[in-house]
């Protein structure tokens, strides 16, 4: 009886160890290149600008807050567009 219990516990321990430390059979997601990332980022920034404009018209921001957020998003859009242009020249 004790030997069967020891064998069962040992098998369970080995099985658990193998399950926990085995590598999963999951394929890695395809990596995006920098240009694809920048195009995606550009769309996000444009969407944020549209949302900001809508929310400003709804009266959710003070004039100063709106201008600050708009300037920040426009600067980011300019940086992204400049990098896209640089990479597409290559």
Foldseek 3Di string as FASTA:
>chain_A
DVVVVVVVVVVVVVVVVCVVPPDDPDDDDDDDDPLVVLVVVLVVLVVVLVVLVVVVVVVNDDPVVSVVVNVVSVVVNVVSVVVNVVVVVD
